[in-house]
Protein backbone atom coordinates (compact mmCIF):
# COMPACT_ATOMS: atom_id res chain seq x y z
CA MET A 1 70.44 154.47 85.58
CA PRO A 2 73.37 156.89 85.36
CA PRO A 3 76.63 155.50 84.01
CA ARG A 4 79.14 154.22 86.54
CA GLN A 5 82.41 156.05 86.75
CA SER A 6 84.39 152.89 86.00
CA GLY A 7 83.75 149.30 85.03
CA SER A 8 82.00 147.58 82.14
CA ARG A 9 79.66 144.65 81.52
CA LYS A 10 80.71 141.03 81.42
CA ALA A 11 79.06 137.62 81.22
CA PRO A 12 77.79 136.03 84.48
CA TRP A 13 80.20 134.00 86.59
CA VAL A 14 80.15 130.20 86.19
CA GLY A 15 79.24 128.30 89.36
CA ALA A 16 76.56 128.03 92.01
CA PHE A 17 76.38 131.77 92.63
CA PHE A 18 73.24 133.85 92.46
CA LEU A 19 74.17 136.89 90.38
CA LEU A 20 72.36 140.19 90.39
CA LEU A 21 75.02 142.04 88.42
CA GLY A 22 77.96 141.08 86.22
CA TRP A 23 80.78 143.47 85.54
CA GLN A 24 83.99 143.09 83.64
CA GLN A 25 87.01 143.35 85.93
CA THR A 26 88.99 146.46 85.18
CA ALA A 27 92.77 146.55 85.36
CA LEU A 28 93.66 147.48 88.91
CA ALA A 29 96.58 149.73 88.08
CA GLY A 30 94.65 151.67 85.44
CA SER A 31 91.43 152.06 87.40
CA CYS A 32 93.20 153.72 90.32
CA ALA A 33 95.62 155.79 88.25
CA ARG A 34 95.90 159.40 89.35
CA PRO A 35 94.06 161.78 87.00
CA ALA A 36 95.63 165.02 85.84
CA ALA A 37 93.26 167.30 87.74
CA THR A 38 94.66 166.89 91.25
CA GLU A 39 96.18 169.41 93.60
CA PRO A 40 99.28 169.07 95.78
CA VAL A 41 98.76 168.90 99.53
CA LEU A 42 101.10 168.68 102.49
CA VAL A 43 100.04 166.41 105.35
CA ARG A 44 100.79 167.60 108.87
CA TYR A 45 99.22 164.83 110.95
CA VAL A 46 97.55 161.42 110.57
CA PRO A 47 95.05 160.78 113.40
CA ASP A 48 93.82 157.43 112.05
CA GLY A 49 93.94 155.18 109.01
CA ASP A 50 91.37 157.02 106.91
CA THR A 51 91.90 160.64 107.93
CA VAL A 52 94.69 163.17 107.49
CA VAL A 53 95.16 166.76 108.62
CA LEU A 54 96.88 169.09 106.18
CA ALA A 55 99.42 171.78 106.94
CA ASN A 56 96.64 174.37 106.56
CA ASN A 57 94.61 172.42 109.19
CA ARG A 58 92.10 171.14 106.63
CA LYS A 59 90.92 167.68 107.67
CA ILE A 60 90.52 165.15 104.84
CA ARG A 61 88.57 161.90 105.06
CA LEU A 62 89.74 159.38 102.46
CA ILE A 63 87.00 158.42 100.02
CA GLY A 64 86.20 154.73 99.57
CA ILE A 65 87.58 153.26 102.78
CA ASN A 66 86.75 152.89 106.45
CA THR A 67 89.49 151.73 108.81
CA PRO A 68 89.17 150.46 112.40
CA GLU A 69 88.64 153.25 114.91
CA THR A 70 91.45 154.54 117.10
CA ARG A 71 90.64 155.38 120.72
CA GLN A 72 87.56 157.60 121.02
CA ASP A 73 86.08 159.02 124.22
CA ASP A 74 86.11 156.08 126.66
CA GLN A 75 86.39 153.41 123.97
CA PRO A 76 89.77 151.72 123.36
CA ALA A 77 91.23 151.48 119.88
CA GLN A 78 89.76 148.71 117.76
CA ALA A 79 91.93 145.84 116.60
CA LEU A 80 94.28 146.91 113.76
CA ALA A 81 93.40 150.59 114.14
CA ILE A 82 96.94 151.54 115.15
CA GLU A 83 98.38 149.38 112.36
CA ALA A 84 96.21 151.19 109.78
CA ARG A 85 97.18 154.60 111.13
CA ASP A 86 100.87 153.79 111.26
CA ARG A 87 100.83 152.28 107.76
CA LEU A 88 99.33 155.48 106.39
CA ARG A 89 101.88 157.55 108.30
CA ARG A 90 104.78 155.51 106.90
CA LEU A 91 103.49 155.72 103.34
CA LEU A 92 103.28 159.50 103.55
CA PHE A 93 106.61 159.86 105.35
CA THR A 94 108.43 158.10 102.50
CA GLN A 95 107.19 160.86 100.18
CA GLY A 96 107.95 163.79 102.48
CA ASN A 97 104.32 163.90 103.63
CA LYS A 98 103.36 165.23 100.20
CA ALA A 99 100.37 163.94 98.27
CA GLN A 100 98.03 164.77 95.42
CA ALA A 101 94.34 165.21 96.19
CA LEU A 102 91.21 164.82 94.11
CA TYR A 103 88.16 166.07 95.98
CA GLY A 104 84.84 164.28 95.70
CA LEU A 105 81.71 165.45 93.92
CA ALA A 106 80.29 165.72 97.41
CA GLU A 107 83.08 167.81 98.93
CA LYS A 108 82.35 167.37 102.67
CA ASP A 109 80.85 164.78 105.00
CA ARG A 110 78.36 165.46 107.78
CA HIS A 111 81.23 166.13 110.18
CA GLY A 112 82.59 168.92 107.99
CA ARG A 113 85.62 166.94 106.81
CA TYR A 114 86.70 167.30 103.20
CA LEU A 115 86.33 164.13 101.14
CA ALA A 116 89.15 163.24 98.75
CA HIS A 117 91.18 160.54 97.06
CA LEU A 118 94.91 160.82 97.79
CA TRP A 119 97.93 159.66 95.79
CA LEU A 120 101.62 159.69 96.55
CA ALA A 121 104.07 161.11 94.03
CA ASP A 122 104.93 157.57 92.89
CA GLY A 123 101.28 157.01 91.90
CA THR A 124 100.23 154.96 94.92
CA ASN A 125 96.56 155.43 95.74
CA LEU A 126 96.50 155.48 99.53
CA ALA A 127 93.04 153.99 100.04
CA ALA A 128 93.77 151.15 97.61
CA GLU A 129 97.09 150.41 99.33
CA LEU A 130 95.44 150.16 102.75
CA LEU A 131 92.67 147.96 101.38
CA ARG A 132 95.18 145.61 99.73
CA ASN A 133 96.82 145.18 103.14
CA GLY A 134 93.52 144.34 104.83
CA LEU A 135 93.58 147.49 106.92
CA GLY A 136 90.05 148.63 106.13
CA TRP A 137 86.81 148.00 104.30
CA VAL A 138 85.41 149.51 101.13
CA VAL A 139 82.59 151.99 101.64
CA ALA A 140 80.56 153.40 98.75
CA ILE A 141 78.67 156.64 99.29
CA PRO A 142 77.30 158.29 96.12
CA PRO A 143 78.08 160.48 94.35
CA ASN A 144 81.70 159.80 95.40
CA THR A 145 82.01 156.43 93.63
CA ARG A 146 84.88 157.17 91.28
CA PHE A 147 87.58 154.47 91.61
CA LEU A 148 85.10 152.20 93.42
CA ASP A 149 85.91 149.24 91.18
CA CYS A 150 89.60 149.60 92.00
CA TYR A 151 88.88 149.76 95.71
CA ILE A 152 86.70 146.64 95.57
CA GLU A 153 89.42 144.71 93.75
CA SER A 154 92.00 145.92 96.28
CA GLU A 155 89.82 144.72 99.15
CA ARG A 156 89.25 141.40 97.41
CA MET A 157 93.00 140.70 97.42
CA ALA A 158 93.12 141.01 101.21
CA ARG A 159 89.85 139.16 101.65
CA ASP A 160 90.99 136.19 99.57
CA ALA A 161 94.19 136.02 101.61
CA ALA A 162 92.36 136.49 104.94
CA SER A 163 94.69 139.41 105.65
CA GLY A 164 94.18 142.08 108.27
CA VAL A 165 90.56 142.69 109.19
CA TRP A 166 89.52 139.69 107.06
CA GLY A 167 91.38 137.26 109.28
CA HIS A 168 90.83 138.92 112.65
CA ARG A 169 88.08 137.53 114.87
CA ASP A 170 87.25 140.97 116.27
CA HIS A 171 86.16 142.05 112.80
CA ALA A 172 84.14 138.98 111.80
CA ALA A 173 80.60 139.59 110.57
CA ARG A 174 77.97 139.35 113.31
CA THR A 175 74.54 137.82 112.92
CA SER A 176 71.52 140.09 113.13
CA THR A 177 70.10 138.06 116.02
CA GLN A 178 73.28 138.56 118.09
CA LEU A 179 73.06 142.32 118.09
CA ASN A 180 71.24 144.57 120.54
CA LEU A 181 70.16 148.20 120.55
CA ARG A 182 73.47 149.24 122.11
CA SER A 183 75.42 147.98 119.11
CA ARG A 184 76.95 150.93 117.32
CA GLY A 185 79.57 151.94 114.80
CA PHE A 186 80.70 150.31 111.60
CA GLN A 187 79.75 146.65 111.44
CA ARG A 188 79.35 143.80 108.99
CA VAL A 189 76.06 142.05 109.73
CA THR A 190 74.56 138.89 108.27
CA GLY A 191 71.03 137.56 108.61
CA ARG A 192 68.07 136.00 106.84
CA VAL A 193 65.70 138.37 105.03
CA VAL A 194 62.19 138.15 106.46
CA ARG A 195 60.53 141.14 104.80
CA VAL A 196 61.05 143.69 102.01
CA ASN A 197 58.74 146.69 101.81
CA HIS A 198 58.61 150.39 101.02
CA GLY A 199 57.72 153.37 103.14
CA GLY A 200 58.91 156.76 104.27
CA GLY A 201 60.86 157.41 101.09
CA ALA A 202 62.94 154.25 101.35
CA THR A 203 63.06 150.52 100.67
CA TRP A 204 63.32 148.49 103.88
CA ILE A 205 64.88 145.04 104.20
CA ASN A 206 64.17 143.41 107.56
CA LEU A 207 66.46 140.67 108.84
CA GLU A 208 65.82 138.18 111.60
CA GLY A 209 65.91 139.87 114.97
CA ARG A 210 65.30 143.58 115.24
CA PHE A 211 67.43 144.73 112.32
CA ALA A 212 66.51 146.74 109.22
CA VAL A 213 68.43 147.88 106.14
CA ARG A 214 67.25 151.21 104.76
CA ILE A 215 67.87 152.20 101.12
CA PRO A 216 66.75 155.78 100.36
CA ASP A 217 64.65 156.17 97.21
CA GLN A 218 67.18 158.51 95.60
CA ASP A 219 69.83 155.78 95.80
CA LEU A 220 67.82 153.00 94.13
CA ARG A 221 69.15 154.29 90.79
CA TRP A 222 72.50 152.65 91.63
CA PHE A 223 70.83 149.22 91.77
CA ASP A 224 70.30 147.35 88.51
CA HIS A 225 67.96 145.04 90.40
CA PRO A 226 66.50 146.76 93.51
CA PRO A 227 65.50 144.55 96.45
CA ASP A 228 62.08 142.93 96.16
CA SER A 229 60.09 140.00 97.56
CA SER A 230 62.42 137.52 95.81
CA TRP A 231 65.01 138.38 98.47
CA ILE A 232 62.85 136.95 101.26
CA GLY A 233 64.42 133.82 102.70
CA THR A 234 67.89 134.62 101.42
CA GLU A 235 70.89 135.39 103.58
CA LEU A 236 72.02 138.99 103.34
CA LYS A 237 75.32 140.46 104.47
CA VAL A 238 75.48 144.22 104.89
CA ARG A 239 78.18 146.66 105.97
CA GLY A 240 77.71 150.14 107.37
CA TRP A 241 77.20 152.29 110.45
CA LEU A 242 74.54 151.02 112.84
CA TYR A 243 72.06 153.19 114.72
CA ALA A 244 68.98 152.51 116.84
CA ALA A 245 65.52 153.86 115.98
CA LYS A 246 61.98 152.81 116.89
CA GLY A 247 63.10 149.80 118.86
CA GLU A 248 65.32 148.26 116.21
CA LEU A 249 68.84 148.48 114.83
CA ARG A 250 69.17 150.07 111.42
CA VAL A 251 71.80 150.69 108.78
CA THR A 252 71.43 153.01 105.80
CA VAL A 253 72.81 151.65 102.52
CA ARG A 254 73.34 154.02 99.61
CA HIS A 255 75.07 151.73 97.11
CA PRO A 256 74.82 148.00 96.27
CA ALA A 257 78.52 147.56 97.04
CA ALA A 258 77.47 147.40 100.71
CA LEU A 259 75.43 144.22 100.18
CA GLU A 260 76.12 140.53 99.55
CA LEU A 261 73.35 138.02 98.92
CA LYS A 262 73.27 134.24 99.34
CA VAL A 263 70.50 131.88 98.32
CA ASN A 264 69.96 128.25 99.28
CA GLY A 265 72.60 126.02 97.70
CA ALA A 266 75.05 128.81 96.95
CA ALA A 267 78.67 128.27 97.97
CA GLY A 268 78.80 131.63 99.70
CA PRO A 269 77.48 135.19 99.61
CA THR A 270 77.81 137.03 96.31
CA PRO A 271 78.22 140.81 96.12
CA VAL A 272 75.17 142.59 94.75
CA TYR A 273 77.67 144.81 92.93
CA ASN A 274 80.75 143.35 91.25
CA PRO A 275 83.46 145.32 89.44
């Protein structure tokens, strides 16, 4: 398994949690500190909480975070979408709309947007700041996992305080049996694992109802303990973008940070990946 870009080993947690990984918590301020190799950018426009448009019209998607969607096509803005956008606008405005960018190892997403981490001149990491305020969720898409531990810790602060999306009923996790083939977009889904198998270049985890988690073979290297038959009967919580295929809902997971597992008797779901 390739080395992670941050984080180190620690002893397992004490308690009734089922642990797949144990990682020593890194200092939040240090793990999100701006590296030297960044470039200055000038932001012209902020369309939503995780995207900015630069003065040269380059569109940048912030790495490590997904915020609620603003109005798209005939769909109204999701709860807290405007708050996330406006928070990002205010943060940038206080610094003259100037930032420092570090582009990802994968430079663009499938929509052609550049992928980057952004910092203000005062050292504030913008994704981490939004996550700490509960205005988005961590997303982990290799190979752009640098600062992931920091982002997870930032999200955990909001989650523990039930702030923002973590306290809003519109953003509560939905059960796999509640969903239908018209369900789309970024969701957090929970359900009992009924099958784990392999096929078509991926590991498949089927939940109750017509719902499947797909983990591509090339991304299993990020898992210390890949899913297997021992997961059957457990409760799994997954986050990601849903799509319909072959009569079922699916979500592709590329990093264990998108999964939480709970076994009988556990106090609650435990992340498969912990910083």
